[in-house]
């Protein structure tokens, strides 16, 4: 059975953990009715938590969503990111790999994350030869990267420009430009640290006139390339238990008792959100007409086939069309 919206099953739960992209955020705006449902939950005394696989810190995400019209205290009470958990582990020096128990020097693939690494023992180095591990940042393409891989120019979407209007940062629709650096890291047997397990994200690009949101490469896809080639990968975020344990700890610190049979995870991705909810022992609610699953279905896949890939019994999964569906 597929329910029209979240309201149809909301009575059964006290704590609602929302993914963001593909659930209430479409890349260029909010899905119809999603904010109204979230606000209704808050008004009715439910606990609403946004848990993002973003490597950004939650303080930055709260400010960003506030500008867009999603207000803390109105639409949700807590926003927690995998970037928060990354920073906590970095500050406590708890990054360890089987091949490198006490690493301190890291090489960045993608965008550096100075906020997370600030005031820690970990030091960014300019070459793989100097590094103990690789950190996967947001896989943006910068001017030098685009010059090195011009054959993929049709796959690049502009993200930022300088004061002269020259594009300086791009998203990419393909991971191909990262294959060389991935191979070099694997050849050196460097382990990998990643704080966004998502393979893609549907992003808007205001610098492209009249464009809709498109799925672009994200950190998790680069980490998966490294994993498939033999790199040891340490990840924070859904579907891993570490992010859910972190969320439950924060709720407990704020006087909220987590009863798992009264807690649900609402997401659009079987591989991360749904598998993560099951790993954490809470009810998995899948949006089938928005986000990643909607894209997969439009390409000929089914919820059953998506669940089978992750060894999930589809009967465990509560399916809704969308959060705001009526």
Protein backbone atom coordinates (compact mmCIF):
# COMPACT_ATOMS: atom_id res chain seq x y z
CA UNK A 1 0.00 0.00 0.00
CA UNK A 2 1.20 3.51 -0.83
CA UNK A 3 -0.19 6.31 1.33
CA UNK A 4 -0.73 9.74 -0.19
CA UNK A 5 1.23 11.61 2.46
CA UNK A 6 2.85 11.56 5.88
CA UNK A 7 -0.31 12.64 7.69
CA UNK A 8 -1.83 9.23 6.95
CA UNK A 9 0.67 7.47 9.26
CA UNK A 10 1.77 10.29 11.59
CA UNK A 11 -0.42 9.32 14.53
CA UNK A 12 1.71 6.24 15.19
CA UNK A 13 4.90 8.21 15.95
CA UNK A 14 6.24 10.78 18.40
CA UNK A 15 9.66 11.45 16.86
CA UNK A 16 10.07 12.21 13.15
CA UNK A 17 13.54 12.17 11.61
CA UNK A 18 13.49 13.86 8.21
CA UNK A 19 16.03 13.70 5.45
CA UNK A 20 16.16 17.04 3.60
CA UNK A 21 16.96 16.73 -0.10
CA UNK A 22 14.28 14.81 -1.95
CA UNK A 23 11.96 14.89 1.07
CA UNK A 24 11.07 18.53 1.74
CA UNK A 25 13.74 20.27 -0.39
CA UNK A 26 13.71 19.76 -4.18
CA UNK A 27 16.89 21.63 -5.06
CA UNK A 28 15.20 24.83 -6.21
CA UNK A 29 12.42 24.98 -3.63
CA UNK A 30 10.22 23.08 -1.20
CA UNK A 31 7.95 20.23 -2.20
CA UNK A 32 4.29 21.21 -2.04
CA UNK A 33 2.81 20.86 1.43
CA UNK A 34 5.99 19.60 3.08
CA UNK A 35 6.58 22.62 5.34
CA UNK A 36 2.93 22.67 6.36
CA UNK A 37 3.10 19.04 7.46
CA UNK A 38 6.30 19.66 9.43
CA UNK A 39 4.79 22.71 11.12
CA UNK A 40 1.65 20.73 12.01
CA UNK A 41 3.80 18.05 13.65
CA UNK A 42 5.64 20.64 15.74
CA UNK A 43 2.38 22.33 16.78
CA UNK A 44 0.92 19.00 17.83
CA UNK A 45 3.81 18.35 20.22
CA UNK A 46 5.79 15.91 18.07
CA UNK A 47 9.59 16.04 17.92
CA UNK A 48 10.84 16.87 14.43
CA UNK A 49 14.51 16.35 13.64
CA UNK A 50 16.17 17.08 10.31
CA UNK A 51 19.15 14.77 9.83
CA UNK A 52 21.24 15.70 6.83
CA UNK A 53 24.05 13.78 5.17
CA UNK A 54 25.68 17.13 4.51
CA UNK A 55 29.28 17.57 5.59
CA UNK A 56 28.40 21.19 6.40
CA UNK A 57 27.88 22.12 10.05
CA UNK A 58 24.29 22.33 11.27
CA UNK A 59 24.65 26.00 12.23
CA UNK A 60 25.29 26.83 8.57
CA UNK A 61 22.41 24.65 7.40
CA UNK A 62 19.99 26.22 9.89
CA UNK A 63 20.93 29.69 8.60
CA UNK A 64 20.60 28.59 4.97
CA UNK A 65 17.17 27.00 5.42
CA UNK A 66 16.00 29.96 7.48
CA UNK A 67 16.65 32.24 4.51
CA UNK A 68 14.66 29.87 2.31
CA UNK A 69 11.70 29.81 4.69
CA UNK A 70 12.23 26.72 6.82
CA UNK A 71 12.32 27.95 10.41
CA UNK A 72 13.72 26.23 13.47
CA UNK A 73 11.06 26.15 16.16
CA UNK A 74 8.30 26.33 13.55
CA UNK A 75 9.03 23.51 11.11
CA UNK A 76 11.49 21.49 13.22
CA UNK A 77 13.21 21.60 16.58
CA UNK A 78 16.59 20.04 15.77
CA UNK A 79 18.85 19.94 12.72
CA UNK A 80 21.81 17.60 12.90
CA UNK A 81 24.34 16.94 10.14
CA UNK A 82 26.94 14.29 9.52
CA UNK A 83 29.34 17.24 9.44
CA UNK A 84 28.56 17.84 13.12
CA UNK A 85 29.52 14.27 13.95
CA UNK A 86 32.67 14.58 11.84
CA UNK A 87 33.72 17.69 13.75
CA UNK A 88 33.07 16.02 17.10
CA UNK A 89 35.25 13.05 16.14
CA UNK A 90 37.99 15.28 14.76
CA UNK A 91 38.06 17.43 17.88
CA UNK A 92 38.33 14.36 20.10
CA UNK A 93 41.03 12.85 17.87
CA UNK A 94 38.90 9.77 17.20
CA UNK A 95 39.80 9.20 13.56
CA UNK A 96 41.43 5.81 13.17
CA UNK A 97 41.92 3.29 10.38
CA UNK A 98 43.18 -0.28 10.56
CA UNK A 99 46.05 0.69 8.26
CA UNK A 100 46.70 4.01 10.05
CA UNK A 101 45.62 3.98 13.72
CA UNK A 102 46.71 7.55 14.46
CA UNK A 103 46.64 9.54 11.21
CA UNK A 104 47.22 13.28 11.30
CA UNK A 105 47.91 14.42 7.73
CA UNK A 106 45.16 14.44 5.14
CA UNK A 107 44.80 15.23 1.46
CA UNK A 108 41.52 16.75 0.24
CA UNK A 109 39.63 15.59 -2.82
CA UNK A 110 37.09 18.30 -3.61
CA UNK A 111 36.33 21.27 -1.38
CA UNK A 112 38.34 21.67 1.86
CA UNK A 113 36.40 21.78 5.15
CA UNK A 114 38.29 24.26 7.30
CA UNK A 115 35.45 24.63 9.83
CA UNK A 116 35.41 20.94 10.72
CA UNK A 117 39.18 20.55 10.90
CA UNK A 118 39.90 23.84 12.72
CA UNK A 119 41.63 23.52 16.10
CA UNK A 120 42.26 19.79 15.72
CA UNK A 121 45.45 17.78 15.43
CA UNK A 122 44.75 17.07 11.77
CA UNK A 123 46.70 18.97 9.11
CA UNK A 124 45.90 19.30 5.42
CA UNK A 125 48.84 18.56 3.12
CA UNK A 126 49.23 19.49 -0.56
CA UNK A 127 50.21 16.07 -1.96
CA UNK A 128 49.11 12.47 -1.59
CA UNK A 129 52.69 11.44 -0.81
CA UNK A 130 52.60 13.47 2.42
CA UNK A 131 49.17 12.22 3.53
CA UNK A 132 48.09 9.51 5.99
CA UNK A 133 44.52 9.57 4.67
CA UNK A 134 42.21 11.18 2.13
CA UNK A 135 39.28 13.41 3.07
CA UNK A 136 36.39 13.62 0.60
CA UNK A 137 35.01 17.14 0.42
CA UNK A 138 32.12 18.29 -1.75
CA UNK A 139 33.32 17.20 -5.23
CA UNK A 140 33.25 20.58 -6.87
CA UNK A 141 35.30 21.30 -9.97
CA UNK A 142 37.55 24.34 -9.74
CA UNK A 143 39.14 26.33 -12.56
CA UNK A 144 42.27 24.17 -12.69
CA UNK A 145 40.21 20.97 -12.69
CA UNK A 146 38.04 22.14 -15.58
CA UNK A 147 41.16 23.08 -17.54
CA UNK A 148 42.60 19.60 -16.89
CA UNK A 149 39.41 17.78 -17.91
CA UNK A 150 37.79 19.89 -20.64
CA UNK A 151 36.33 16.78 -22.31
CA UNK A 152 33.58 16.74 -19.66
CA UNK A 153 32.61 20.40 -20.05
CA UNK A 154 29.03 19.50 -20.99
CA UNK A 155 28.71 17.77 -17.62
CA UNK A 156 29.72 20.82 -15.55
CA UNK A 157 27.13 23.17 -14.02
CA UNK A 158 28.29 26.55 -12.65
CA UNK A 159 28.05 27.11 -8.89
CA UNK A 160 29.98 30.31 -8.22
CA UNK A 161 31.58 33.22 -10.06
CA UNK A 162 34.08 35.93 -9.25
CA UNK A 163 33.50 39.69 -9.22
CA UNK A 164 34.13 39.79 -12.97
CA UNK A 165 31.44 37.23 -13.70
CA UNK A 166 33.91 34.45 -14.46
CA UNK A 167 32.81 31.00 -13.29
CA UNK A 168 35.18 29.63 -10.64
CA UNK A 169 33.32 26.61 -9.22
CA UNK A 170 31.24 23.95 -10.95
CA UNK A 171 29.15 20.93 -9.99
CA UNK A 172 29.64 17.84 -12.12
CA UNK A 173 27.15 15.29 -13.40
CA UNK A 174 29.89 12.69 -13.84
CA UNK A 175 32.55 11.35 -11.44
CA UNK A 176 34.94 10.71 -14.34
CA UNK A 177 37.25 13.69 -13.58
CA UNK A 178 38.03 12.13 -10.18
CA UNK A 179 39.11 8.73 -11.49
CA UNK A 180 42.78 9.67 -11.77
CA UNK A 181 43.14 11.00 -8.22
CA UNK A 182 41.17 8.03 -6.88
CA UNK A 183 43.54 5.62 -8.60
CA UNK A 184 46.55 7.49 -7.23
CA UNK A 185 45.17 7.37 -3.67
CA UNK A 186 44.44 3.65 -3.97
CA UNK A 187 47.91 2.98 -5.35
CA UNK A 188 49.34 4.60 -2.21
CA UNK A 189 46.96 2.51 -0.05
CA UNK A 190 45.55 5.60 1.65
CA UNK A 191 42.38 5.16 3.72
CA UNK A 192 39.43 7.51 3.21
CA UNK A 193 37.35 9.75 5.49
CA UNK A 194 33.91 10.86 4.30
CA UNK A 195 31.08 12.73 6.02
CA UNK A 196 28.47 12.59 3.26
CA UNK A 197 27.57 9.07 2.08
CA UNK A 198 25.10 10.39 -0.52
CA UNK A 199 26.06 9.55 -4.11
CA UNK A 200 24.08 12.38 -5.65
CA UNK A 201 22.06 15.45 -4.71
CA UNK A 202 19.43 17.31 -6.72
CA UNK A 203 20.73 20.87 -6.82
CA UNK A 204 19.51 24.11 -8.34
CA UNK A 205 21.95 26.30 -10.27
CA UNK A 206 20.83 29.95 -10.35
CA UNK A 207 23.70 30.90 -12.67
CA UNK A 208 22.04 28.82 -15.40
CA UNK A 209 18.99 30.73 -16.58
CA UNK A 210 15.64 28.94 -16.44
CA UNK A 211 17.20 25.65 -15.36
CA UNK A 212 15.56 23.04 -13.18
CA UNK A 213 17.37 21.20 -10.41
CA UNK A 214 19.61 18.35 -11.59
CA UNK A 215 21.28 15.40 -9.88
CA UNK A 216 24.99 16.10 -9.37
CA UNK A 217 27.84 14.04 -7.94
CA UNK A 218 28.35 14.16 -4.19
CA UNK A 219 30.95 12.92 -1.73
CA UNK A 220 29.56 9.42 -1.32
CA UNK A 221 30.08 8.57 -4.98
CA UNK A 222 33.79 9.39 -4.76
CA UNK A 223 34.05 7.40 -1.52
CA UNK A 224 32.33 4.46 -3.23
CA UNK A 225 34.85 4.62 -6.10
CA UNK A 226 37.65 4.39 -3.55
CA UNK A 227 35.89 1.58 -1.66
CA UNK A 228 35.35 -0.45 -4.82
CA UNK A 229 39.05 -0.18 -5.62
CA UNK A 230 40.09 -1.39 -2.16
CA UNK A 231 40.43 1.72 -0.01
CA UNK A 232 39.37 1.50 3.64
CA UNK A 233 36.55 4.03 4.07
CA UNK A 234 35.40 5.56 7.36
CA UNK A 235 32.04 7.29 6.93
CA UNK A 236 29.73 9.35 9.10
CA UNK A 237 26.09 9.72 8.17
CA UNK A 238 23.15 7.64 6.99
CA UNK A 239 22.93 4.64 6.63
CA UNK A 240 25.50 4.15 9.39
CA UNK A 241 24.48 3.69 13.00
CA UNK A 242 26.93 6.39 14.12
CA UNK A 243 24.69 9.27 13.00
CA UNK A 244 21.56 7.79 14.58
CA UNK A 245 23.35 7.12 17.87
CA UNK A 246 24.55 10.74 17.75
CA UNK A 247 20.99 11.99 17.14
CA UNK A 248 19.58 9.86 19.96
CA UNK A 249 22.30 11.15 22.30
CA UNK A 250 21.43 14.78 21.51
CA UNK A 251 17.73 14.13 22.06
CA UNK A 252 18.48 12.42 25.38
CA UNK A 253 20.61 15.40 26.45
CA UNK A 254 17.59 17.60 25.75
CA UNK A 255 15.30 15.49 27.93
CA UNK A 256 13.61 13.59 25.10
CA UNK A 257 13.13 9.86 25.59
CA UNK A 258 13.57 7.96 22.36
CA UNK A 259 11.16 5.06 22.07
CA UNK A 260 12.21 3.38 18.85
CA UNK A 261 8.78 1.93 18.16
CA UNK A 262 7.49 5.51 18.22
CA UNK A 263 10.26 6.93 16.02
CA UNK A 264 10.39 7.05 12.22
CA UNK A 265 12.86 7.98 9.48
CA UNK A 266 11.41 9.76 6.43
CA UNK A 267 13.62 9.65 3.36
CA UNK A 268 13.77 9.38 -0.41
CA UNK A 269 16.75 7.03 -0.73
CA UNK A 270 16.62 3.32 0.07
CA UNK A 271 20.42 2.95 0.27
CA UNK A 272 20.88 5.62 2.95
CA UNK A 273 17.64 6.75 4.61
CA UNK A 274 15.66 3.51 4.61
CA UNK A 275 18.59 1.20 5.26
CA UNK A 276 19.75 3.61 7.98
CA UNK A 277 16.37 3.65 9.67
CA UNK A 278 16.28 -0.14 9.70
CA UNK A 279 19.86 -0.28 11.02
CA UNK A 280 18.79 2.05 13.84
CA UNK A 281 15.70 0.01 14.70
CA UNK A 282 13.15 2.69 13.77
CA UNK A 283 10.31 2.74 11.24
CA UNK A 284 11.45 3.48 7.65
CA UNK A 285 9.13 5.72 5.60
CA UNK A 286 10.00 6.07 1.92
CA UNK A 287 8.85 8.92 -0.35
CA UNK A 288 8.32 7.26 -3.73
CA UNK A 289 7.29 10.25 -5.86
CA UNK A 290 10.04 12.69 -4.83
CA UNK A 291 13.83 12.69 -4.86
CA UNK A 292 16.12 9.76 -5.59
CA UNK A 293 13.47 7.03 -5.57
CA UNK A 294 11.22 8.95 -7.95
CA UNK A 295 14.19 9.33 -10.30
CA UNK A 296 14.99 5.61 -10.06
CA UNK A 297 11.37 4.64 -10.75
CA UNK A 298 11.27 6.94 -13.79
CA UNK A 299 14.31 5.02 -15.06
CA UNK A 300 12.54 1.68 -14.83
CA UNK A 301 13.44 0.50 -11.33
CA UNK A 302 10.93 -0.39 -8.62
CA UNK A 303 10.84 -0.01 -4.86
CA UNK A 304 11.13 -3.80 -4.70
CA UNK A 305 14.29 -3.84 -6.82
CA UNK A 306 15.82 -0.95 -4.88
CA UNK A 307 15.17 -2.77 -1.60
CA UNK A 308 16.51 -6.06 -2.97
CA UNK A 309 19.85 -4.38 -3.79
CA UNK A 310 20.21 -3.52 -0.09
CA UNK A 311 18.90 -6.86 1.19
CA UNK A 312 15.83 -5.14 2.63
CA UNK A 313 12.45 -6.82 2.84
CA UNK A 314 10.16 -4.35 1.10
CA UNK A 315 7.39 -5.32 3.51
CA UNK A 316 9.34 -3.48 6.23
CA UNK A 317 9.07 -0.20 4.34
CA UNK A 318 6.16 2.21 4.74
CA UNK A 319 5.62 3.94 1.40
CA UNK A 320 4.13 7.40 0.91
CA UNK A 321 3.85 9.41 -2.28
CA UNK A 322 5.31 12.52 -0.66
CA UNK A 323 5.48 14.26 2.70
CA UNK A 324 2.82 16.80 1.77
CA UNK A 325 0.55 14.50 -0.22
CA UNK A 326 -3.13 14.67 0.64
